[in-house]
Protein backbone atom coordinates (compact mmCIF):
# COMPACT_ATOMS: atom_id res chain seq x y z
CA MET A 1 -7.11 -12.57 8.34
CA SER A 2 -9.08 -14.70 5.92
CA GLN A 3 -7.73 -17.92 4.49
CA ARG A 4 -7.49 -16.33 1.06
CA THR A 5 -5.39 -13.37 2.18
CA GLN A 6 -3.23 -15.71 4.27
CA ARG A 7 -2.64 -17.94 1.23
CA ILE A 8 -1.80 -14.93 -0.95
CA GLY A 9 0.52 -13.62 1.79
CA ASP A 10 2.33 -16.95 1.82
CA GLN A 11 2.73 -16.84 -1.98
CA ILE A 12 4.02 -13.27 -1.84
CA GLN A 13 6.50 -14.26 0.89
CA ARG A 14 7.91 -17.11 -1.21
CA GLU A 15 8.15 -14.96 -4.35
CA LEU A 16 9.77 -12.02 -2.56
CA ALA A 17 12.36 -14.23 -0.88
CA SER A 18 13.43 -15.49 -4.28
CA LEU A 19 13.25 -12.09 -6.02
CA ILE A 20 15.22 -10.25 -3.35
CA ARG A 21 17.95 -12.89 -3.42
CA GLN A 22 18.16 -13.18 -7.22
CA GLU A 23 17.12 -9.83 -8.71
CA LEU A 24 18.17 -7.07 -6.32
CA LYS A 25 21.88 -6.36 -6.69
CA ASP A 26 22.16 -3.20 -4.57
CA PRO A 27 25.35 -3.34 -2.46
CA ARG A 28 23.59 -1.51 0.41
CA LEU A 29 21.18 -4.42 0.75
CA GLY A 30 22.23 -6.89 3.43
CA MET A 31 21.26 -10.53 3.78
CA VAL A 32 17.48 -10.09 3.94
CA THR A 33 15.00 -12.68 5.19
CA VAL A 34 11.27 -12.19 4.68
CA SER A 35 9.83 -13.23 8.03
CA ASN A 36 6.14 -12.37 7.58
CA VAL A 37 3.64 -10.91 5.12
CA LYS A 38 0.31 -9.38 6.16
CA VAL A 39 -2.10 -8.66 3.31
CA SER A 40 -4.95 -6.20 3.88
CA PRO A 41 -8.47 -7.62 3.48
CA ASP A 42 -9.08 -5.50 0.35
CA MET A 43 -5.72 -6.59 -1.15
CA GLY A 44 -4.73 -2.91 -1.38
CA TYR A 45 -1.41 -3.34 0.34
CA ALA A 46 0.86 -5.92 1.92
CA ASP A 47 3.09 -5.21 4.89
CA ILE A 48 6.32 -7.15 4.46
CA TYR A 49 8.35 -7.78 7.61
CA VAL A 50 12.03 -8.50 7.07
CA THR A 51 15.11 -9.19 9.13
CA VAL A 52 18.64 -8.39 8.05
CA MET A 53 21.50 -10.75 8.88
CA GLY A 54 23.76 -9.47 11.63
CA SER A 55 21.45 -6.69 12.77
CA ASN A 56 20.15 -6.14 16.28
CA LEU A 57 17.83 -3.68 18.04
CA ASP A 58 20.62 -1.13 18.51
CA ASP A 59 21.51 -1.18 14.79
CA LYS A 60 18.29 -0.98 12.76
CA PRO A 61 18.91 -1.75 9.10
CA ASP A 62 17.31 1.45 7.81
CA GLU A 63 19.39 1.40 4.63
CA SER A 64 18.22 -2.09 3.64
CA ILE A 65 14.59 -1.13 4.33
CA ALA A 66 15.02 2.02 2.20
CA VAL A 67 16.46 -0.05 -0.67
CA LEU A 68 13.55 -2.50 -0.46
CA ASN A 69 10.94 0.28 -0.38
CA ALA A 70 12.63 1.96 -3.36
CA ALA A 71 12.41 -1.35 -5.26
CA ALA A 72 8.81 -2.00 -4.16
CA GLY A 73 7.33 -1.05 -7.55
CA PHE A 74 9.61 -3.42 -9.43
CA LEU A 75 9.01 -6.19 -6.88
CA ARG A 76 5.25 -5.64 -7.03
CA GLY A 77 5.27 -6.08 -10.81
CA GLU A 78 7.30 -9.28 -10.57
CA VAL A 79 5.10 -10.68 -7.78
CA GLY A 80 1.99 -9.80 -9.81
CA ARG A 81 3.27 -11.78 -12.78
CA ALA A 82 4.12 -14.74 -10.58
CA ILE A 83 0.96 -15.06 -8.48
CA ARG A 84 -1.53 -13.94 -11.15
CA THR A 85 -4.18 -12.28 -9.01
CA ARG A 86 -6.59 -9.65 -10.30
CA VAL A 87 -5.12 -7.10 -7.87
CA THR A 88 -1.53 -7.10 -6.68
CA PRO A 89 -1.12 -5.32 -3.35
CA ARG A 90 1.28 -2.40 -2.90
CA LEU A 91 4.31 -3.58 -0.96
CA ARG A 92 5.46 -1.82 2.21
CA PHE A 93 8.62 -3.10 3.86
CA HIS A 94 9.20 -2.97 7.63
CA TYR A 95 11.98 -4.12 9.91
CA ASP A 96 10.79 -7.09 11.99
CA GLU A 97 11.84 -6.19 15.53
CA VAL A 98 10.18 -9.30 16.97
CA VAL A 99 12.86 -11.60 15.57
CA ALA A 100 15.65 -9.24 16.64
CA ARG A 101 14.22 -9.05 20.17
CA GLY A 102 13.94 -12.84 20.30
CA ASN A 103 17.57 -13.22 19.24
CA ARG A 104 18.67 -10.66 21.83
CA MET A 105 16.70 -12.47 24.56
CA ALA A 106 18.33 -15.79 23.61
CA VAL A 107 21.79 -14.19 23.91
CA LEU A 108 20.93 -12.72 27.32
CA ILE A 109 19.57 -16.05 28.59
CA ASN A 110 22.69 -17.90 27.42
CA GLU A 111 24.92 -15.31 29.13
CA ALA A 112 22.95 -15.61 32.40
CA VAL A 113 23.14 -19.43 32.35
CA ARG A 114 26.88 -19.32 31.69
CA GLU A 115 27.44 -16.82 34.51
CA ASP A 116 25.39 -18.98 36.91
CA GLN A 117 27.45 -22.03 35.99
CA GLU A 118 30.70 -20.12 36.51
CA ARG A 119 29.53 -18.87 39.94
CA ALA A 120 28.47 -22.38 40.95
CA GLN A 121 31.87 -23.77 39.93
CA ALA A 122 33.68 -21.00 41.82
CA ARG A 123 31.72 -21.85 44.99
CA GLY A 124 32.41 -25.54 44.45
CA ASP A 125 28.72 -26.48 44.32
CA SER A 126 28.25 -30.17 43.77
CA ASP A 127 24.69 -29.90 42.49
CA SER A 128 25.65 -28.59 39.04
CA PRO A 129 24.25 -30.78 36.24
CA ASP A 130 26.79 -32.99 34.46
């Protein structure tokens, strides 16, 4: 990714975060966070990766993604006015599974550590950290 497309991606990310929070009033839309934006080299499209508060890998927020993709034309127009580039990329929204997987891994690690500590206390190990 070139520096220019990275810079434009960063601008789009900032604008979309604000627009989604302030302009989209659909009740099906959860608490959305724009985690990453990848702009194609020709500026034809931008892949927008989002997470939805409270979601996990077992419960993909398909409804929120559908709402965002339905509003993509409106959001594209607003982003185009804000960033003032000759070409405004088409917006395609995707669920960011990387963040959800990371959160799930953190939960599993915390559970494993807690279980290890409980087992150590049950055995009466004296080498547990205090």
